[in-house]
Amino acid sequence: MVILKAMELGHEISQSTELQKMRETEASVHADQAAAGMIQEFQVRQRVMAEARSTGRKLTGEEQDELVNLHQQMTENPKIKEFMEAQRQFHQLINDVNRILQQAITGNACTPSG
């Protein structure tokens, strides 16, 4: 019974407007070379930053500034901005589901944040 309900929940999430919007805006970003390039560059720089942190190396002011500037450029791009908002809404949905499951397991009240 539990597995069946989990499968139903998975299906409902796969059909959610939040996931559909995220997929649509992601496709729009990938179709735009400039937007896709910015996201790819940002991801590369994030990995470099994470690797630096894991090895104890401090980022230079220039590296930090480049990351901040690139993030600002991304948020000024309408397609990327829309994609980032769609991601936020989808992650909020997933967080709400996880919180409700946790509350149900622990016997606390089940309420969405929305």
C-alpha atoms as a PDB file:
ATOM      1  CA  MET A   1       0.000   0.000   0.000  1.00  0.00           C
ATOM      2  CA  VAL A   2       2.790   2.450   0.897  1.00  0.00           C
ATOM      3  CA  ILE A   3       4.667   1.764  -2.330  1.00  0.00           C
ATOM      4  CA  LEU A   4       1.495   2.264  -4.348  1.00  0.00           C
ATOM      5  CA  LYS A   5       0.908   5.638  -2.655  1.00  0.00           C
ATOM      6  CA  ALA A   6       4.530   6.624  -3.327  1.00  0.00           C
ATOM      7  CA  MET A   7       4.077   5.744  -6.989  1.00  0.00           C
ATOM      8  CA  GLU A   8       0.890   7.821  -7.094  1.00  0.00           C
ATOM      9  CA  LEU A   9       2.706  10.739  -5.474  1.00  0.00           C
ATOM     10  CA  GLY A  10       5.549  10.416  -7.969  1.00  0.00           C
ATOM     11  CA  HIS A  11       3.042  10.474 -10.819  1.00  0.00           C
ATOM     12  CA  GLU A  12       1.295  13.538  -9.388  1.00  0.00           C
ATOM     13  CA  ILE A  13       4.619  15.349  -9.029  1.00  0.00           C
ATOM     14  CA  SER A  14       5.563  14.423 -12.599  1.00  0.00           C
ATOM     15  CA  GLN A  15       2.301  16.015 -13.760  1.00  0.00           C
ATOM     16  CA  SER A  16       2.587  19.109 -11.536  1.00  0.00           C
ATOM     17  CA  THR A  17       2.499  22.576 -13.023  1.00  0.00           C
ATOM     18  CA  GLU A  18       5.709  23.334 -11.121  1.00  0.00           C
ATOM     19  CA  LEU A  19       7.648  20.561 -12.867  1.00  0.00           C
ATOM     20  CA  GLN A  20       6.104  21.337 -16.251  1.00  0.00           C
ATOM     21  CA  LYS A  21       7.048  25.014 -15.900  1.00  0.00           C
ATOM     22  CA  MET A  22      10.587  24.116 -14.850  1.00  0.00           C
ATOM     23  CA  ARG A  23      11.000  21.818 -17.856  1.00  0.00           C
ATOM     24  CA  GLU A  24       9.606  24.430 -20.249  1.00  0.00           C
ATOM     25  CA  THR A  25      11.838  27.215 -18.960  1.00  0.00           C
ATOM     26  CA  GLU A  26      14.861  24.888 -18.933  1.00  0.00           C
ATOM     27  CA  ALA A  27      14.239  24.069 -22.604  1.00  0.00           C
ATOM     28  CA  SER A  28      13.945  27.781 -23.347  1.00  0.00           C
ATOM     29  CA  VAL A  29      17.276  28.462 -21.658  1.00  0.00           C
ATOM     30  CA  HIS A  30      19.025  25.627 -23.497  1.00  0.00           C
ATOM     31  CA  ALA A  31      17.644  26.894 -26.813  1.00  0.00           C
ATOM     32  CA  ASP A  32      19.249  30.290 -26.160  1.00  0.00           C
ATOM     33  CA  GLN A  33      23.002  29.969 -26.725  1.00  0.00           C
ATOM     34  CA  ALA A  34      23.894  33.011 -24.640  1.00  0.00           C
ATOM     35  CA  ALA A  35      21.743  31.933 -21.691  1.00  0.00           C
ATOM     36  CA  ALA A  36      22.957  28.336 -21.844  1.00  0.00           C
ATOM     37  CA  GLY A  37      26.552  29.532 -22.005  1.00  0.00           C
ATOM     38  CA  MET A  38      26.112  31.719 -18.939  1.00  0.00           C
ATOM     39  CA  ILE A  39      24.657  28.845 -16.946  1.00  0.00           C
ATOM     40  CA  GLN A  40      27.411  26.500 -18.054  1.00  0.00           C
ATOM     41  CA  GLU A  41      30.091  29.037 -17.144  1.00  0.00           C
ATOM     42  CA  PHE A  42      28.469  29.635 -13.758  1.00  0.00           C
ATOM     43  CA  GLN A  43      28.374  25.896 -13.041  1.00  0.00           C
ATOM     44  CA  VAL A  44      32.051  25.554 -13.960  1.00  0.00           C
ATOM     45  CA  ARG A  45      32.954  28.430 -11.648  1.00  0.00           C
ATOM     46  CA  GLN A  46      30.843  26.943  -8.851  1.00  0.00           C
ATOM     47  CA  ARG A  47      32.718  23.639  -9.200  1.00  0.00           C
ATOM     48  CA  VAL A  48      36.049  25.458  -9.066  1.00  0.00           C
ATOM     49  CA  MET A  49      34.880  27.278  -5.952  1.00  0.00           C
ATOM     50  CA  ALA A  50      33.730  24.030  -4.305  1.00  0.00           C
ATOM     51  CA  GLU A  51      37.023  22.323  -5.139  1.00  0.00           C
ATOM     52  CA  ALA A  52      38.930  25.267  -3.708  1.00  0.00           C
ATOM     53  CA  ARG A  53      36.933  25.097  -0.483  1.00  0.00           C
ATOM     54  CA  SER A  54      37.431  21.350  -0.178  1.00  0.00           C
ATOM     55  CA  THR A  55      41.198  21.738  -0.456  1.00  0.00           C
ATOM     56  CA  GLY A  56      41.329  24.736   1.874  1.00  0.00           C
ATOM     57  CA  ARG A  57      42.328  27.217  -0.826  1.00  0.00           C
ATOM     58  CA  LYS A  58      40.815  30.645  -0.458  1.00  0.00           C
ATOM     59  CA  LEU A  59      39.287  32.211  -3.531  1.00  0.00           C
ATOM     60  CA  THR A  60      40.880  35.392  -4.718  1.00  0.00           C
ATOM     61  CA  GLY A  61      38.834  38.560  -4.679  1.00  0.00           C
ATOM     62  CA  GLU A  62      38.891  38.466  -8.467  1.00  0.00           C
ATOM     63  CA  GLU A  63      37.444  34.926  -8.543  1.00  0.00           C
ATOM     64  CA  GLN A  64      34.700  35.915  -6.114  1.00  0.00           C
ATOM     65  CA  ASP A  65      33.909  39.060  -8.096  1.00  0.00           C
ATOM     66  CA  GLU A  66      33.716  37.085 -11.350  1.00  0.00           C
ATOM     67  CA  LEU A  67      31.227  34.662  -9.803  1.00  0.00           C
ATOM     68  CA  VAL A  68      29.105  37.488  -8.389  1.00  0.00           C
ATOM     69  CA  ASN A  69      29.158  39.357 -11.716  1.00  0.00           C
ATOM     70  CA  LEU A  70      28.208  36.247 -13.658  1.00  0.00           C
ATOM     71  CA  HIS A  71      25.346  35.533 -11.244  1.00  0.00           C
ATOM     72  CA  GLN A  72      24.126  39.095 -11.654  1.00  0.00           C
ATOM     73  CA  GLN A  73      24.234  38.775 -15.457  1.00  0.00           C
ATOM     74  CA  MET A  74      22.250  35.561 -15.198  1.00  0.00           C
ATOM     75  CA  THR A  75      19.545  37.131 -13.054  1.00  0.00           C
ATOM     76  CA  GLU A  76      19.244  39.973 -15.560  1.00  0.00           C
ATOM     77  CA  ASN A  77      18.581  37.521 -18.396  1.00  0.00           C
ATOM     78  CA  PRO A  78      14.774  37.084 -18.620  1.00  0.00           C
ATOM     79  CA  LYS A  79      14.944  33.423 -19.662  1.00  0.00           C
ATOM     80  CA  ILE A  80      17.369  32.491 -16.909  1.00  0.00           C
ATOM     81  CA  LYS A  81      15.434  34.511 -14.357  1.00  0.00           C
ATOM     82  CA  GLU A  82      12.223  32.696 -15.296  1.00  0.00           C
ATOM     83  CA  PHE A  83      14.020  29.329 -15.126  1.00  0.00           C
ATOM     84  CA  MET A  84      15.485  30.126 -11.709  1.00  0.00           C
ATOM     85  CA  GLU A  85      12.032  31.073 -10.408  1.00  0.00           C
ATOM     86  CA  ALA A  86      10.525  27.877 -11.834  1.00  0.00           C
ATOM     87  CA  GLN A  87      13.285  25.871 -10.126  1.00  0.00           C
ATOM     88  CA  ARG A  88      12.583  27.646  -6.850  1.00  0.00           C
ATOM     89  CA  GLN A  89       8.871  26.852  -7.064  1.00  0.00           C
ATOM     90  CA  PHE A  90       9.509  23.187  -7.907  1.00  0.00           C
ATOM     91  CA  HIS A  91      12.007  22.815  -5.067  1.00  0.00           C
ATOM     92  CA  GLN A  92       9.484  24.434  -2.723  1.00  0.00           C
ATOM     93  CA  LEU A  93       6.934  21.808  -3.767  1.00  0.00           C
ATOM     94  CA  ILE A  94       9.410  19.000  -3.083  1.00  0.00           C
ATOM     95  CA  ASN A  95      10.406  20.553   0.244  1.00  0.00           C
ATOM     96  CA  ASP A  96       6.727  20.799   1.227  1.00  0.00           C
ATOM     97  CA  VAL A  97       6.179  17.137   0.329  1.00  0.00           C
ATOM     98  CA  ASN A  98       9.238  16.085   2.325  1.00  0.00           C
ATOM     99  CA  ARG A  99       8.199  18.165   5.329  1.00  0.00           C
ATOM    100  CA  ILE A 100       4.665  16.759   5.259  1.00  0.00           C
ATOM    101  CA  LEU A 101       6.017  13.210   5.077  1.00  0.00           C
ATOM    102  CA  GLN A 102       8.353  13.912   7.988  1.00  0.00           C
ATOM    103  CA  GLN A 103       5.536  15.454  10.006  1.00  0.00           C
ATOM    104  CA  ALA A 104       3.282  12.465   9.305  1.00  0.00           C
ATOM    105  CA  ILE A 105       6.036  10.048  10.343  1.00  0.00           C
ATOM    106  CA  THR A 106       6.716  11.900  13.595  1.00  0.00           C
ATOM    107  CA  GLY A 107       3.026  12.469  14.355  1.00  0.00           C
ATOM    108  CA  ASN A 108       3.110  16.250  14.003  1.00  0.00           C
ATOM    109  CA  ALA A 109       0.535  18.358  12.190  1.00  0.00           C
ATOM    110  CA  CYS A 110       0.771  18.151   8.387  1.00  0.00           C
ATOM    111  CA  THR A 111       0.633  21.571   6.771  1.00  0.00           C
ATOM    112  CA  PRO A 112       2.163  22.950   3.570  1.00  0.00           C
ATOM    113  CA  SER A 113       4.159  26.182   3.731  1.00  0.00           C
ATOM    114  CA  GLY A 114       2.252  27.738   0.812  1.00  0.00           C
END
